Amino acid sequence: MTELFTKPWPWYIAGPIIGLMIPALLMMGNKPFGISSSLKHICAACFPGNIPFFQYDWKKESWNLILALGILAGGILGGLIFSNPEPVAISGDTVADLQALNVAHGAGLHPMDIFNFPALLTLKGFLLVIVGGFLVGFGTRYANGCTSGHTIMGISNLQMPSVIASACFFAGGLIMTWFILPFILNS
């Protein structure tokens, strides 16, 4: 039974399970799927009445906080109980592309040359992690939702703003991958 949870599920199993979340949330009271609003709800709970942006009834959205806690708990349990001892298989083409950008790839999902605490104190690390994190957070608030909320929930509800936001997410990812990232890593 544990073997079922130690190997990645194929897309044709995991995708429909994620997709079935949408009708389930709609049947449970028209609940929107997305994770980016959880931080807003946490801030509203911690700072009630101090900041006008956080003055709303966050308790009506407490189900979203439970979802976020479930994701966190599932990740921890998955890592502790059902961890796969084999290293993650990365495509040879991806490793070659990273090497062309002077990034050595180790055994994990992310290259340790870039994503570690000493690298954070370099210009490249600062740009990729701090500035990139700020831009993701800003974009999430500006688009009024994250990729999961817009792409999974919004598009399935035929909402044109979600289609536009998802197209912009995709275009931004392509621009970052093909133009900005090589410039940052090769400078």
N, C-alpha and C. Protein backbone atom coordinates (compact mmCIF):
# COMPACT_ATOMS: atom_id res chain seq x y z
N MET A 1 0.82 -1.20 0.00
CA MET A 1 0.00 0.00 0.00
C MET A 1 0.86 1.26 0.00
N THR A 2 1.97 1.23 0.77
CA THR A 2 2.81 2.43 0.82
C THR A 2 3.47 2.71 -0.52
N GLU A 3 3.62 1.67 -1.36
CA GLU A 3 4.22 1.89 -2.68
C GLU A 3 3.35 2.82 -3.53
N LEU A 4 2.06 2.81 -3.30
CA LEU A 4 1.14 3.70 -4.00
C LEU A 4 1.48 5.16 -3.72
N PHE A 5 2.00 5.44 -2.53
CA PHE A 5 2.29 6.82 -2.13
C PHE A 5 3.75 7.21 -2.26
N THR A 6 4.64 6.27 -2.59
CA THR A 6 6.06 6.60 -2.71
C THR A 6 6.49 6.91 -4.13
N LYS A 7 5.66 6.64 -5.09
CA LYS A 7 5.98 6.92 -6.49
C LYS A 7 5.06 8.03 -6.99
N PRO A 8 5.56 8.89 -7.87
CA PRO A 8 4.67 9.91 -8.44
C PRO A 8 3.54 9.26 -9.22
N TRP A 9 2.36 9.84 -9.10
CA TRP A 9 1.22 9.34 -9.86
C TRP A 9 1.28 9.89 -11.26
N PRO A 10 0.85 9.12 -12.25
CA PRO A 10 0.85 9.63 -13.62
C PRO A 10 -0.16 10.77 -13.77
N TRP A 11 0.06 11.58 -14.78
CA TRP A 11 -0.79 12.75 -15.00
C TRP A 11 -2.25 12.38 -15.19
N TYR A 12 -2.50 11.24 -15.80
CA TYR A 12 -3.89 10.87 -16.07
C TYR A 12 -4.63 10.41 -14.82
N ILE A 13 -3.92 10.24 -13.71
CA ILE A 13 -4.57 9.96 -12.43
C ILE A 13 -4.63 11.24 -11.60
N ALA A 14 -3.47 11.90 -11.44
CA ALA A 14 -3.40 13.09 -10.59
C ALA A 14 -4.21 14.26 -11.16
N GLY A 15 -4.18 14.44 -12.48
CA GLY A 15 -4.91 15.55 -13.10
C GLY A 15 -6.40 15.50 -12.85
N PRO A 16 -7.06 14.38 -13.12
CA PRO A 16 -8.50 14.33 -12.82
C PRO A 16 -8.82 14.50 -11.34
N ILE A 17 -7.95 14.02 -10.45
CA ILE A 17 -8.21 14.21 -9.03
C ILE A 17 -8.19 15.69 -8.68
N ILE A 18 -7.20 16.41 -9.22
CA ILE A 18 -7.15 17.86 -9.00
C ILE A 18 -8.39 18.51 -9.63
N GLY A 19 -8.73 18.09 -10.83
CA GLY A 19 -9.89 18.65 -11.51
C GLY A 19 -11.20 18.41 -10.77
N LEU A 20 -11.32 17.28 -10.08
CA LEU A 20 -12.55 16.98 -9.34
C LEU A 20 -12.70 17.85 -8.09
N MET A 21 -11.61 18.54 -7.71
CA MET A 21 -11.71 19.48 -6.59
C MET A 21 -12.69 20.61 -6.91
N ILE A 22 -12.75 21.02 -8.17
CA ILE A 22 -13.58 22.16 -8.55
C ILE A 22 -15.07 21.88 -8.32
N PRO A 23 -15.63 20.79 -8.89
CA PRO A 23 -17.05 20.55 -8.60
C PRO A 23 -17.30 20.28 -7.12
N ALA A 24 -16.33 19.66 -6.43
CA ALA A 24 -16.52 19.40 -5.00
C ALA A 24 -16.62 20.73 -4.23
N LEU A 25 -15.74 21.68 -4.53
CA LEU A 25 -15.79 22.97 -3.85
C LEU A 25 -17.05 23.75 -4.21
N LEU A 26 -17.49 23.64 -5.45
CA LEU A 26 -18.71 24.34 -5.86
C LEU A 26 -19.93 23.74 -5.15
N MET A 27 -19.95 22.42 -4.97
CA MET A 27 -21.07 21.78 -4.28
C MET A 27 -21.05 22.06 -2.78
N MET A 28 -19.87 22.36 -2.23
CA MET A 28 -19.75 22.65 -0.79
C MET A 28 -20.07 24.10 -0.47
N GLY A 29 -20.65 24.83 -1.40
CA GLY A 29 -21.04 26.19 -1.08
C GLY A 29 -20.37 27.23 -1.93
N ASN A 30 -20.06 26.90 -3.18
CA ASN A 30 -19.47 27.86 -4.11
C ASN A 30 -18.14 28.42 -3.58
N LYS A 31 -17.29 27.53 -3.10
CA LYS A 31 -15.98 27.92 -2.54
C LYS A 31 -14.96 28.02 -3.67
N PRO A 32 -14.20 29.12 -3.73
CA PRO A 32 -13.16 29.24 -4.76
C PRO A 32 -11.89 28.48 -4.36
N PHE A 33 -11.25 27.84 -5.33
CA PHE A 33 -10.00 27.14 -5.07
C PHE A 33 -8.84 28.08 -5.33
N GLY A 34 -7.92 28.13 -4.42
CA GLY A 34 -6.72 28.95 -4.55
C GLY A 34 -6.04 29.01 -3.20
N ILE A 35 -4.76 29.25 -3.21
CA ILE A 35 -4.01 29.22 -1.97
C ILE A 35 -3.45 30.59 -1.58
N SER A 36 -3.37 31.50 -2.53
CA SER A 36 -2.72 32.79 -2.24
C SER A 36 -3.49 33.64 -1.25
N SER A 37 -4.79 33.47 -1.15
CA SER A 37 -5.57 34.28 -0.21
C SER A 37 -5.37 33.85 1.24
N SER A 38 -4.75 32.69 1.46
CA SER A 38 -4.54 32.21 2.84
C SER A 38 -3.71 33.18 3.66
N LEU A 39 -2.69 33.78 3.07
CA LEU A 39 -1.87 34.74 3.80
C LEU A 39 -2.70 35.95 4.22
N LYS A 40 -3.58 36.40 3.35
CA LYS A 40 -4.47 37.53 3.68
C LYS A 40 -5.36 37.15 4.86
N HIS A 41 -5.90 35.94 4.86
CA HIS A 41 -6.76 35.50 5.96
C HIS A 41 -5.98 35.39 7.27
N ILE A 42 -4.75 34.91 7.19
CA ILE A 42 -3.91 34.81 8.40
C ILE A 42 -3.63 36.20 8.96
N CYS A 43 -3.29 37.14 8.08
CA CYS A 43 -3.03 38.52 8.52
C CYS A 43 -4.29 39.15 9.11
N ALA A 44 -5.44 38.90 8.52
CA ALA A 44 -6.70 39.44 9.06
C ALA A 44 -7.00 38.86 10.43
N ALA A 45 -6.64 37.59 10.65
CA ALA A 45 -6.87 36.98 11.96
C ALA A 45 -5.89 37.52 13.00
N CYS A 46 -4.66 37.79 12.58
CA CYS A 46 -3.63 38.23 13.53
C CYS A 46 -3.69 39.73 13.84
N PHE A 47 -4.18 40.53 12.89
CA PHE A 47 -4.23 41.98 13.06
C PHE A 47 -5.64 42.51 12.86
N PRO A 48 -6.59 42.09 13.68
CA PRO A 48 -7.98 42.51 13.45
C PRO A 48 -8.16 44.01 13.74
N GLY A 49 -8.73 44.71 12.77
CA GLY A 49 -9.06 46.11 12.97
C GLY A 49 -7.92 47.10 12.84
N ASN A 50 -6.69 46.64 12.68
CA ASN A 50 -5.56 47.57 12.62
C ASN A 50 -5.35 48.14 11.22
N ILE A 51 -5.56 47.34 10.19
CA ILE A 51 -5.28 47.74 8.81
C ILE A 51 -6.58 47.59 8.02
N PRO A 52 -7.01 48.65 7.34
CA PRO A 52 -8.30 48.57 6.62
C PRO A 52 -8.41 47.41 5.63
N PHE A 53 -7.31 47.05 4.97
CA PHE A 53 -7.33 45.96 3.98
C PHE A 53 -7.73 44.64 4.62
N PHE A 54 -7.42 44.48 5.92
CA PHE A 54 -7.70 43.23 6.62
C PHE A 54 -8.97 43.29 7.45
N GLN A 55 -9.80 44.29 7.25
CA GLN A 55 -11.04 44.40 8.01
C GLN A 55 -12.18 43.74 7.24
N TYR A 56 -12.32 42.47 7.42
CA TYR A 56 -13.41 41.69 6.83
C TYR A 56 -13.57 40.44 7.68
N ASP A 57 -14.63 39.71 7.45
CA ASP A 57 -14.91 38.51 8.24
C ASP A 57 -14.10 37.33 7.70
N TRP A 58 -12.87 37.21 8.20
CA TRP A 58 -11.99 36.15 7.73
C TRP A 58 -12.48 34.77 8.16
N LYS A 59 -13.34 34.72 9.18
CA LYS A 59 -13.83 33.42 9.67
C LYS A 59 -14.69 32.71 8.63
N LYS A 60 -15.33 33.49 7.74
CA LYS A 60 -16.11 32.87 6.66
C LYS A 60 -15.20 32.12 5.70
N GLU A 61 -13.92 32.47 5.68
CA GLU A 61 -12.94 31.83 4.79
C GLU A 61 -12.03 30.87 5.53
N SER A 62 -12.42 30.47 6.75
CA SER A 62 -11.55 29.60 7.54
C SER A 62 -11.34 28.24 6.87
N TRP A 63 -12.28 27.82 6.02
CA TRP A 63 -12.09 26.57 5.30
C TRP A 63 -10.82 26.64 4.45
N ASN A 64 -10.50 27.83 3.92
CA ASN A 64 -9.32 28.00 3.09
C ASN A 64 -8.05 27.82 3.92
N LEU A 65 -8.09 28.27 5.18
CA LEU A 65 -6.95 28.06 6.07
C LEU A 65 -6.78 26.58 6.39
N ILE A 66 -7.87 25.87 6.53
CA ILE A 66 -7.81 24.43 6.78
C ILE A 66 -7.23 23.72 5.56
N LEU A 67 -7.61 24.16 4.36
CA LEU A 67 -7.02 23.61 3.13
C LEU A 67 -5.50 23.84 3.11
N ALA A 68 -5.07 25.06 3.45
CA ALA A 68 -3.64 25.37 3.47
C ALA A 68 -2.91 24.51 4.50
N LEU A 69 -3.49 24.33 5.68
CA LEU A 69 -2.89 23.47 6.69
C LEU A 69 -2.83 22.02 6.22
N GLY A 70 -3.86 21.58 5.51
CA GLY A 70 -3.86 20.22 4.96
C GLY A 70 -2.77 20.02 3.94
N ILE A 71 -2.53 21.03 3.10
CA ILE A 71 -1.45 20.95 2.12
C ILE A 71 -0.11 20.87 2.83
N LEU A 72 0.08 21.70 3.86
CA LEU A 72 1.32 21.69 4.63
C LEU A 72 1.51 20.35 5.33
N ALA A 73 0.46 19.87 5.99
CA ALA A 73 0.55 18.59 6.70
C ALA A 73 0.79 17.44 5.72
N GLY A 74 0.12 17.47 4.58
CA GLY A 74 0.32 16.43 3.57
C GLY A 74 1.75 16.41 3.05
N GLY A 75 2.32 17.60 2.86
CA GLY A 75 3.72 17.66 2.41
C GLY A 75 4.67 17.11 3.44
N ILE A 76 4.43 17.45 4.71
CA ILE A 76 5.29 16.94 5.78
C ILE A 76 5.15 15.43 5.92
N LEU A 77 3.91 14.95 5.96
CA LEU A 77 3.69 13.50 6.06
C LEU A 77 4.26 12.77 4.85
N GLY A 78 4.05 13.34 3.68
CA GLY A 78 4.60 12.72 2.48
C GLY A 78 6.11 12.62 2.51
N GLY A 79 6.75 13.65 3.06
CA GLY A 79 8.21 13.64 3.14
C GLY A 79 8.74 12.72 4.22
N LEU A 80 8.01 12.60 5.32
CA LEU A 80 8.49 11.78 6.45
C LEU A 80 8.12 10.31 6.31
N ILE A 81 6.90 10.04 5.92
CA ILE A 81 6.41 8.66 5.91
C ILE A 81 6.56 7.99 4.54
N PHE A 82 6.18 8.71 3.50
CA PHE A 82 6.13 8.10 2.18
C PHE A 82 7.24 8.58 1.26
N SER A 83 8.37 8.96 1.82
CA SER A 83 9.43 9.49 0.97
C SER A 83 10.02 8.39 0.08
N ASN A 84 10.40 8.79 -1.10
CA ASN A 84 11.01 7.88 -2.07
C ASN A 84 12.53 7.95 -1.89
N PRO A 85 13.20 6.85 -1.56
CA PRO A 85 14.64 6.90 -1.34
C PRO A 85 15.45 7.13 -2.61
N GLU A 86 14.84 6.92 -3.76
CA GLU A 86 15.56 7.11 -5.01
C GLU A 86 15.65 8.59 -5.35
N PRO A 87 16.76 9.02 -5.93
CA PRO A 87 16.84 10.43 -6.33
C PRO A 87 15.84 10.75 -7.43
N VAL A 88 15.42 11.99 -7.46
CA VAL A 88 14.47 12.44 -8.47
C VAL A 88 15.14 12.37 -9.84
N ALA A 89 14.46 11.79 -10.80
CA ALA A 89 15.00 11.66 -12.15
C ALA A 89 14.75 12.96 -12.91
N ILE A 90 15.84 13.64 -13.27
CA ILE A 90 15.76 14.87 -14.04
C ILE A 90 16.15 14.54 -15.48
N SER A 91 15.45 15.11 -16.42
CA SER A 91 15.72 14.88 -17.83
C SER A 91 17.17 15.24 -18.16
N GLY A 92 17.80 14.45 -18.99
CA GLY A 92 19.16 14.73 -19.43
C GLY A 92 19.25 16.06 -20.18
N ASP A 93 18.21 16.40 -20.90
CA ASP A 93 18.17 17.69 -21.60
C ASP A 93 18.16 18.85 -20.62
N THR A 94 17.43 18.69 -19.52
CA THR A 94 17.39 19.74 -18.50
C THR A 94 18.76 19.91 -17.85
N VAL A 95 19.43 18.80 -17.53
CA VAL A 95 20.77 18.87 -16.95
C VAL A 95 21.73 19.56 -17.93
N ALA A 96 21.63 19.23 -19.22
CA ALA A 96 22.49 19.86 -20.24
C ALA A 96 22.19 21.35 -20.35
N ASP A 97 20.91 21.72 -20.30
CA ASP A 97 20.56 23.14 -20.35
C ASP A 97 21.11 23.89 -19.14
N LEU A 98 21.03 23.27 -17.96
CA LEU A 98 21.59 23.90 -16.76
C LEU A 98 23.10 24.05 -16.87
N GLN A 99 23.77 23.03 -17.37
CA GLN A 99 25.22 23.10 -17.53
C GLN A 99 25.61 24.19 -18.53
N ALA A 100 24.80 24.40 -19.57
CA ALA A 100 25.07 25.46 -20.54
C ALA A 100 24.96 26.84 -19.88
N LEU A 101 24.17 26.91 -18.80
CA LEU A 101 24.02 28.16 -18.05
C LEU A 101 25.00 28.23 -16.87
N ASN A 102 25.97 27.31 -16.82
CA ASN A 102 26.97 27.24 -15.73
C ASN A 102 26.34 26.95 -14.38
N VAL A 103 25.32 26.11 -14.38
CA VAL A 103 24.67 25.71 -13.13
C VAL A 103 24.86 24.21 -12.98
N ALA A 104 25.56 23.82 -11.93
CA ALA A 104 25.76 22.39 -11.67
C ALA A 104 24.50 21.84 -11.02
N HIS A 105 24.11 20.68 -11.45
CA HIS A 105 22.90 20.07 -10.90
C HIS A 105 23.29 18.93 -9.97
N GLY A 106 22.68 18.92 -8.78
CA GLY A 106 22.94 17.86 -7.82
C GLY A 106 21.89 16.77 -7.93
N ALA A 107 21.48 16.24 -6.79
CA ALA A 107 20.56 15.11 -6.79
C ALA A 107 19.11 15.51 -6.53
N GLY A 108 18.83 16.76 -6.26
CA GLY A 108 17.46 17.16 -5.92
C GLY A 108 16.73 17.77 -7.09
N LEU A 109 15.59 18.37 -6.78
CA LEU A 109 14.79 19.02 -7.81
C LEU A 109 15.32 20.38 -8.20
N HIS A 110 16.00 21.04 -7.29
CA HIS A 110 16.52 22.38 -7.59
C HIS A 110 18.04 22.39 -7.50
N PRO A 111 18.69 23.19 -8.34
CA PRO A 111 20.15 23.25 -8.32
C PRO A 111 20.65 23.96 -7.06
N MET A 112 21.49 23.29 -6.32
CA MET A 112 22.00 23.85 -5.07
C MET A 112 22.97 25.00 -5.31
N ASP A 113 23.46 25.16 -6.54
CA ASP A 113 24.31 26.31 -6.85
C ASP A 113 23.55 27.62 -6.68
N ILE A 114 22.27 27.58 -6.89
CA ILE A 114 21.45 28.79 -6.84
C ILE A 114 20.63 28.86 -5.56
N PHE A 115 20.01 27.78 -5.17
CA PHE A 115 19.05 27.79 -4.08
C PHE A 115 19.66 27.23 -2.80
N ASN A 116 20.47 28.03 -2.14
CA ASN A 116 21.00 27.73 -0.82
C ASN A 116 21.28 29.04 -0.12
N PHE A 117 21.51 29.01 1.19
CA PHE A 117 21.66 30.26 1.94
C PHE A 117 22.91 31.05 1.56
N PRO A 118 24.09 30.44 1.34
CA PRO A 118 25.22 31.26 0.90
C PRO A 118 24.98 31.94 -0.45
N ALA A 119 24.30 31.24 -1.37
CA ALA A 119 24.03 31.84 -2.68
C ALA A 119 23.05 32.99 -2.57
N LEU A 120 22.25 33.01 -1.50
CA LEU A 120 21.28 34.09 -1.30
C LEU A 120 21.98 35.43 -1.11
N LEU A 121 23.21 35.40 -0.62
CA LEU A 121 23.96 36.63 -0.38
C LEU A 121 24.69 37.13 -1.62
N THR A 122 24.55 36.43 -2.74
CA THR A 122 25.14 36.88 -4.00
C THR A 122 24.10 37.68 -4.78
N LEU A 123 24.56 38.41 -5.79
CA LEU A 123 23.62 39.19 -6.61
C LEU A 123 22.65 38.26 -7.34
N LYS A 124 23.15 37.15 -7.88
CA LYS A 124 22.28 36.21 -8.58
C LYS A 124 21.22 35.63 -7.64
N GLY A 125 21.66 35.19 -6.48
CA GLY A 125 20.73 34.62 -5.51
C GLY A 125 19.70 35.63 -5.04
N PHE A 126 20.14 36.86 -4.80
CA PHE A 126 19.23 37.91 -4.39
C PHE A 126 18.18 38.18 -5.46
N LEU A 127 18.63 38.27 -6.72
CA LEU A 127 17.69 38.53 -7.81
C LEU A 127 16.70 37.38 -7.99
N LEU A 128 17.19 36.16 -7.94
CA LEU A 128 16.32 35.01 -8.20
C LEU A 128 15.36 34.73 -7.05
N VAL A 129 15.83 34.81 -5.82
CA VAL A 129 14.99 34.41 -4.69
C VAL A 129 14.22 35.59 -4.09
N ILE A 130 14.91 36.66 -3.74
CA ILE A 130 14.25 37.78 -3.07
C ILE A 130 13.42 38.60 -4.06
N VAL A 131 14.06 39.09 -5.12
CA VAL A 131 13.33 39.91 -6.09
C VAL A 131 12.27 39.05 -6.80
N GLY A 132 12.63 37.82 -7.17
CA GLY A 132 11.67 36.93 -7.80
C GLY A 132 10.49 36.62 -6.89
N GLY A 133 10.75 36.38 -5.61
CA GLY A 133 9.67 36.14 -4.65
C GLY A 133 8.77 37.35 -4.49
N PHE A 134 9.37 38.53 -4.46
CA PHE A 134 8.57 39.76 -4.37
C PHE A 134 7.68 39.91 -5.61
N LEU A 135 8.25 39.65 -6.79
CA LEU A 135 7.47 39.78 -8.02
C LEU A 135 6.33 38.77 -8.08
N VAL A 136 6.56 37.56 -7.60
CA VAL A 136 5.50 36.56 -7.56
C VAL A 136 4.39 37.02 -6.60
N GLY A 137 4.77 37.49 -5.43
CA GLY A 137 3.78 37.98 -4.48
C GLY A 137 3.01 39.18 -5.00
N PHE A 138 3.72 40.12 -5.61
CA PHE A 138 3.06 41.30 -6.19
C PHE A 138 2.11 40.89 -7.31
N GLY A 139 2.59 40.01 -8.18
CA GLY A 139 1.76 39.56 -9.29
C GLY A 139 0.52 38.82 -8.82
N THR A 140 0.65 38.05 -7.76
CA THR A 140 -0.49 37.32 -7.21
C THR A 140 -1.56 38.29 -6.72
N ARG A 141 -1.14 39.35 -6.01
CA ARG A 141 -2.12 40.32 -5.53
C ARG A 141 -2.67 41.15 -6.69
N TYR A 142 -1.82 41.52 -7.63
CA TYR A 142 -2.26 42.35 -8.76
C TYR A 142 -3.26 41.59 -9.63
N ALA A 143 -3.02 40.29 -9.83
CA ALA A 143 -3.93 39.46 -10.64
C ALA A 143 -5.11 38.96 -9.82
N ASN A 144 -5.13 39.29 -8.54
CA ASN A 144 -6.21 38.87 -7.63
C ASN A 144 -6.32 37.35 -7.57
N GLY A 145 -5.17 36.68 -7.54
CA GLY A 145 -5.17 35.23 -7.42
C GLY A 145 -3.89 34.63 -7.96
N CYS A 146 -3.69 33.37 -7.62
CA CYS A 146 -2.46 32.68 -8.02
C CYS A 146 -2.73 31.79 -9.23
N THR A 147 -1.71 31.10 -9.66
CA THR A 147 -1.84 30.24 -10.83
C THR A 147 -2.86 29.13 -10.59
N SER A 148 -2.88 28.56 -9.41
CA SER A 148 -3.85 27.48 -9.16
C SER A 148 -5.27 28.02 -9.14
N GLY A 149 -5.47 29.16 -8.52
CA GLY A 149 -6.81 29.73 -8.46
C GLY A 149 -7.33 30.11 -9.84
N HIS A 150 -6.51 30.81 -10.61
CA HIS A 150 -6.96 31.25 -11.93
C HIS A 150 -7.01 30.11 -12.93
N THR A 151 -5.94 29.32 -13.00
CA THR A 151 -5.85 28.31 -14.05
C THR A 151 -6.76 27.11 -13.78
N ILE A 152 -6.82 26.66 -12.55
CA ILE A 152 -7.65 25.49 -12.26
C ILE A 152 -9.10 25.90 -12.04
N MET A 153 -9.33 26.87 -11.17
CA MET A 153 -10.69 27.24 -10.81
C MET A 153 -11.31 28.21 -11.82
N GLY A 154 -10.60 29.27 -12.14
CA GLY A 154 -11.17 30.32 -12.98
C GLY A 154 -11.47 29.87 -14.40
N ILE A 155 -10.53 29.18 -15.01
CA ILE A 155 -10.76 28.72 -16.39
C ILE A 155 -11.88 27.68 -16.43
N SER A 156 -11.94 26.81 -15.41
CA SER A 156 -13.02 25.80 -15.41
C SER A 156 -14.38 26.45 -15.24
N ASN A 157 -14.42 27.65 -14.67
CA ASN A 157 -15.68 28.40 -14.54
C ASN A 157 -15.89 29.37 -15.70
N LEU A 158 -15.05 29.26 -16.73
CA LEU A 158 -15.16 30.08 -17.94
C LEU A 158 -15.08 31.58 -17.63
N GLN A 159 -14.18 31.96 -16.73
CA GLN A 159 -14.00 33.37 -16.39
C GLN A 159 -12.89 33.96 -17.26
N MET A 160 -13.23 34.95 -18.07
CA MET A 160 -12.27 35.56 -18.98
C MET A 160 -11.08 36.18 -18.25
N PRO A 161 -11.24 36.85 -17.09
CA PRO A 161 -10.05 37.36 -16.39
C PRO A 161 -9.06 36.25 -16.03
N SER A 162 -9.55 35.07 -15.72
CA SER A 162 -8.66 33.95 -15.41
C SER A 162 -7.94 33.44 -16.64
N VAL A 163 -8.61 33.46 -17.78
CA VAL A 163 -7.96 33.07 -19.03
C VAL A 163 -6.83 34.05 -19.33
N ILE A 164 -7.10 35.34 -19.18
CA ILE A 164 -6.09 36.36 -19.44
C ILE A 164 -4.93 36.23 -18.45
N ALA A 165 -5.26 36.06 -17.15
CA ALA A 165 -4.21 35.92 -16.14
C ALA A 165 -3.36 34.69 -16.41
N SER A 166 -3.98 33.57 -16.76
CA SER A 166 -3.23 32.34 -17.04
C SER A 166 -2.33 32.49 -18.25
N ALA A 167 -2.82 33.18 -19.28
CA ALA A 167 -1.98 33.44 -20.47
C ALA A 167 -0.79 34.32 -20.08
N CYS A 168 -1.00 35.28 -19.21
CA CYS A 168 0.10 36.14 -18.75
C CYS A 168 1.09 35.36 -17.88
N PHE A 169 0.59 34.45 -17.03
CA PHE A 169 1.49 33.60 -16.24
C PHE A 169 2.40 32.80 -17.16
N PHE A 170 1.80 32.20 -18.18
CA PHE A 170 2.54 31.37 -19.13
C PHE A 170 3.55 32.21 -19.90
N ALA A 171 3.12 33.37 -20.39
CA ALA A 171 4.03 34.25 -21.14
C ALA A 171 5.18 34.72 -20.24
N GLY A 172 4.88 35.06 -19.00
CA GLY A 172 5.92 35.48 -18.06
C GLY A 172 6.92 34.36 -17.79
N GLY A 173 6.43 33.13 -17.70
CA GLY A 173 7.33 31.99 -17.50
C GLY A 173 8.25 31.77 -18.69
N LEU A 174 7.71 31.92 -19.88
CA LEU A 174 8.53 31.78 -21.09
C LEU A 174 9.58 32.89 -21.17
N ILE A 175 9.18 34.11 -20.91
CA ILE A 175 10.13 35.23 -20.95
C ILE A 175 11.23 35.03 -19.92
N MET A 176 10.86 34.61 -18.71
CA MET A 176 11.86 34.38 -17.67
C MET A 176 12.82 33.27 -18.07
N THR A 177 12.27 32.16 -18.56
CA THR A 177 13.10 31.00 -18.89
C THR A 177 14.05 31.26 -20.05
N TRP A 178 13.57 31.91 -21.09
CA TRP A 178 14.37 32.04 -22.30
C TRP A 178 15.19 33.32 -22.38
N PHE A 179 14.82 34.36 -21.65
CA PHE A 179 15.54 35.63 -21.79
C PHE A 179 16.18 36.13 -20.50
N ILE A 180 15.41 36.19 -19.42
CA ILE A 180 15.91 36.82 -18.19
C ILE A 180 16.85 35.88 -17.43
N LEU A 181 16.44 34.63 -17.24
CA LEU A 181 17.26 33.68 -16.47
C LEU A 181 18.65 33.47 -17.09
N PRO A 182 18.76 33.26 -18.41
CA PRO A 182 20.11 33.13 -18.98
C PRO A 182 20.95 34.39 -18.77
N PHE A 183 20.33 35.56 -18.85
CA PHE A 183 21.06 36.81 -18.62
C PHE A 183 21.56 36.90 -17.19
N ILE A 184 20.72 36.54 -16.21
CA ILE A 184 21.12 36.60 -14.80
C ILE A 184 22.20 35.56 -14.50
N LEU A 185 22.04 34.34 -15.01
CA LEU A 185 23.00 33.28 -14.69
C LEU A 185 24.33 33.43 -15.41
N ASN A 186 24.34 34.06 -16.56
CA ASN A 186 25.60 34.23 -17.30
C ASN A 186 26.30 35.55 -17.02
N SER A 187 25.72 36.38 -16.15
CA SER A 187 26.38 37.65 -15.85
C SER A 187 27.26 37.54 -14.64
